Amino acid sequence: MLQNTAIRTPVGISLGAIAGAVSRYYLALWLIQLFGTEFPHSILIINVSGCFVMGFFTTLALGRLIAIHPDIRLLVTTGFLGSYTTFSTYELDLAKLPQERRLEIYLVYWLSSAVLALFSLLLGNLLAEFIRIKEES
């Protein structure tokens, strides 16, 4: 059954995603206990560490410095790191653009991702607050 790539690939990604999500959850809990909640240390550390691992792993794997089976690459990058932090994937995509000499797209992607993500978060907050107020009245 796992000889079939159509089955093996999503299974590998799913296993990596489970491990990434659980790792993020427990690491965040531990970091919150360690540093408190005044500054989002846990998210910052998780995002930065995920970006570090994404850069390190992809450079080794895709740069052919070490031989890693494509299924393991997907398990680690798409599965584990994609679940641990989607920020690492964003940064990987962002890092490729200057190398491809696409600086204008780099700037638009960088700015729009940050601004639109914050705007979407605030919009979601407003919508949830609106629904809560409607429910109470």
Protein backbone atom coordinates (compact mmCIF):
# COMPACT_ATOMS: atom_id res chain seq x y z
CA MET A 1 0.00 0.00 0.00
CA LEU A 2 2.79 2.48 0.86
CA GLN A 3 4.54 1.59 -2.40
CA ASN A 4 1.99 3.83 -4.12
CA THR A 5 3.16 7.47 -4.07
CA ALA A 6 -0.43 8.71 -4.18
CA ILE A 7 -0.89 7.16 -0.73
CA ARG A 8 2.65 7.39 0.68
CA THR A 9 3.08 11.14 0.08
CA PRO A 10 -0.04 12.36 1.95
CA VAL A 11 0.62 9.86 4.76
CA GLY A 12 4.16 11.20 5.19
CA ILE A 13 3.01 14.82 5.10
CA SER A 14 0.25 14.03 7.62
CA LEU A 15 2.65 12.34 10.03
CA GLY A 16 5.00 15.32 9.81
CA ALA A 17 2.08 17.72 10.33
CA ILE A 18 0.95 15.92 13.46
CA ALA A 19 4.45 16.07 14.92
CA GLY A 20 4.84 19.74 13.94
CA ALA A 21 1.53 20.82 15.45
CA VAL A 22 2.11 18.93 18.69
CA SER A 23 5.67 20.28 18.93
CA ARG A 24 4.46 23.84 18.39
CA TYR A 25 1.73 23.45 21.01
CA TYR A 26 3.93 22.05 23.78
CA LEU A 27 6.89 24.29 23.01
CA ALA A 28 4.60 27.34 23.11
CA LEU A 29 3.21 26.24 26.50
CA TRP A 30 6.72 25.78 27.88
CA LEU A 31 7.96 29.12 26.51
CA ILE A 32 4.94 30.94 27.93
CA GLN A 33 5.73 29.45 31.34
CA LEU A 34 9.35 30.47 30.92
CA PHE A 35 8.91 34.02 29.58
CA GLY A 36 5.30 34.97 30.36
CA THR A 37 2.82 36.57 27.99
CA GLU A 38 3.73 40.26 27.95
CA PHE A 39 5.68 39.82 24.70
CA PRO A 40 4.89 36.96 22.29
CA HIS A 41 8.24 35.23 22.85
CA SER A 42 6.78 31.80 22.13
CA ILE A 43 5.53 32.70 18.65
CA LEU A 44 8.67 34.63 17.82
CA ILE A 45 10.92 31.76 18.90
CA ILE A 46 8.79 29.18 17.09
CA ASN A 47 8.71 31.23 13.87
CA VAL A 48 12.42 32.02 13.96
CA SER A 49 13.40 28.44 14.81
CA GLY A 50 11.11 27.08 12.09
CA CYS A 51 12.70 29.45 9.57
CA PHE A 52 16.16 28.37 10.69
CA VAL A 53 15.33 24.69 10.31
CA MET A 54 13.63 25.32 6.92
CA GLY A 55 16.70 27.16 5.63
CA PHE A 56 19.14 24.64 7.06
CA PHE A 57 17.25 21.56 5.91
CA THR A 58 16.38 22.76 2.42
CA THR A 59 19.92 23.96 1.81
CA LEU A 60 21.25 20.54 2.77
CA ALA A 61 18.57 18.56 0.96
CA LEU A 62 18.00 20.60 -2.17
CA GLY A 63 21.61 21.70 -2.47
CA ARG A 64 22.51 18.02 -2.68
CA LEU A 65 24.85 18.28 0.32
CA ILE A 66 23.18 15.20 1.77
CA ALA A 67 20.96 12.60 0.13
CA ILE A 68 17.43 12.77 1.53
CA HIS A 69 14.57 10.81 0.02
CA PRO A 70 11.87 13.08 -1.49
CA ASP A 71 9.26 11.61 0.87
CA ILE A 72 11.37 12.58 3.89
CA ARG A 73 11.85 16.09 2.46
CA LEU A 74 8.07 16.47 2.18
CA LEU A 75 7.54 15.03 5.66
CA VAL A 76 9.96 17.56 7.15
CA THR A 77 9.21 20.69 5.06
CA THR A 78 5.54 20.50 4.09
CA GLY A 79 4.44 18.32 6.99
CA PHE A 80 6.46 19.13 10.10
CA LEU A 81 7.62 22.69 9.39
CA GLY A 82 4.44 23.65 7.57
CA SER A 83 2.52 22.68 10.68
CA TYR A 84 5.10 23.87 13.19
CA THR A 85 5.03 27.28 11.52
CA THR A 86 3.75 28.44 8.16
CA PHE A 87 6.04 31.40 8.66
CA SER A 88 9.02 29.29 7.66
CA THR A 89 7.45 28.53 4.29
CA TYR A 90 6.66 32.22 3.79
CA GLU A 91 10.27 33.14 4.53
CA LEU A 92 11.59 30.43 2.21
CA ASP A 93 9.42 31.77 -0.61
CA LEU A 94 10.51 35.31 0.21
CA ALA A 95 14.20 34.37 0.19
CA LYS A 96 13.95 32.89 -3.32
CA LEU A 97 12.68 36.08 -4.96
CA PRO A 98 15.88 38.19 -4.75
CA GLN A 99 17.89 35.20 -5.95
CA GLU A 100 15.60 35.12 -8.99
CA ARG A 101 16.14 38.89 -9.40
CA ARG A 102 12.48 39.61 -8.67
CA LEU A 103 12.95 42.47 -6.21
CA GLU A 104 9.67 44.24 -7.00
CA ILE A 105 7.72 41.04 -6.31
CA TYR A 106 9.82 40.53 -3.16
CA LEU A 107 8.81 43.95 -1.82
CA VAL A 108 5.14 43.55 -2.69
CA TYR A 109 4.99 40.04 -1.22
CA TRP A 110 6.84 41.06 1.94
CA LEU A 111 4.73 44.14 2.61
CA SER A 112 1.39 42.73 1.50
CA SER A 113 1.83 39.55 3.54
CA ALA A 114 2.49 41.47 6.74
CA VAL A 115 -0.15 44.15 6.15
CA LEU A 116 -2.85 41.84 4.80
CA ALA A 117 -2.27 39.26 7.53
CA LEU A 118 -2.62 41.90 10.24
CA PHE A 119 -5.64 43.43 8.49
CA SER A 120 -7.27 40.00 8.21
CA LEU A 121 -6.60 39.26 11.86
CA LEU A 122 -8.14 42.57 12.93
CA LEU A 123 -11.09 42.06 10.58
CA GLY A 124 -11.66 38.60 12.06
CA ASN A 125 -11.53 40.12 15.55
CA LEU A 126 -14.10 42.75 14.56
CA LEU A 127 -16.41 40.19 13.00
CA ALA A 128 -16.22 37.92 16.06
CA GLU A 129 -16.86 40.89 18.35
CA PHE A 130 -19.83 41.94 16.19
CA ILE A 131 -21.31 38.43 16.42
CA ARG A 132 -20.72 38.32 20.19
CA ILE A 133 -22.48 41.67 20.66
CA LYS A 134 -25.40 40.56 18.45
CA GLU A 135 -25.77 37.37 20.48
CA GLU A 136 -25.85 39.30 23.74
CA SER A 137 -28.58 41.71 22.60
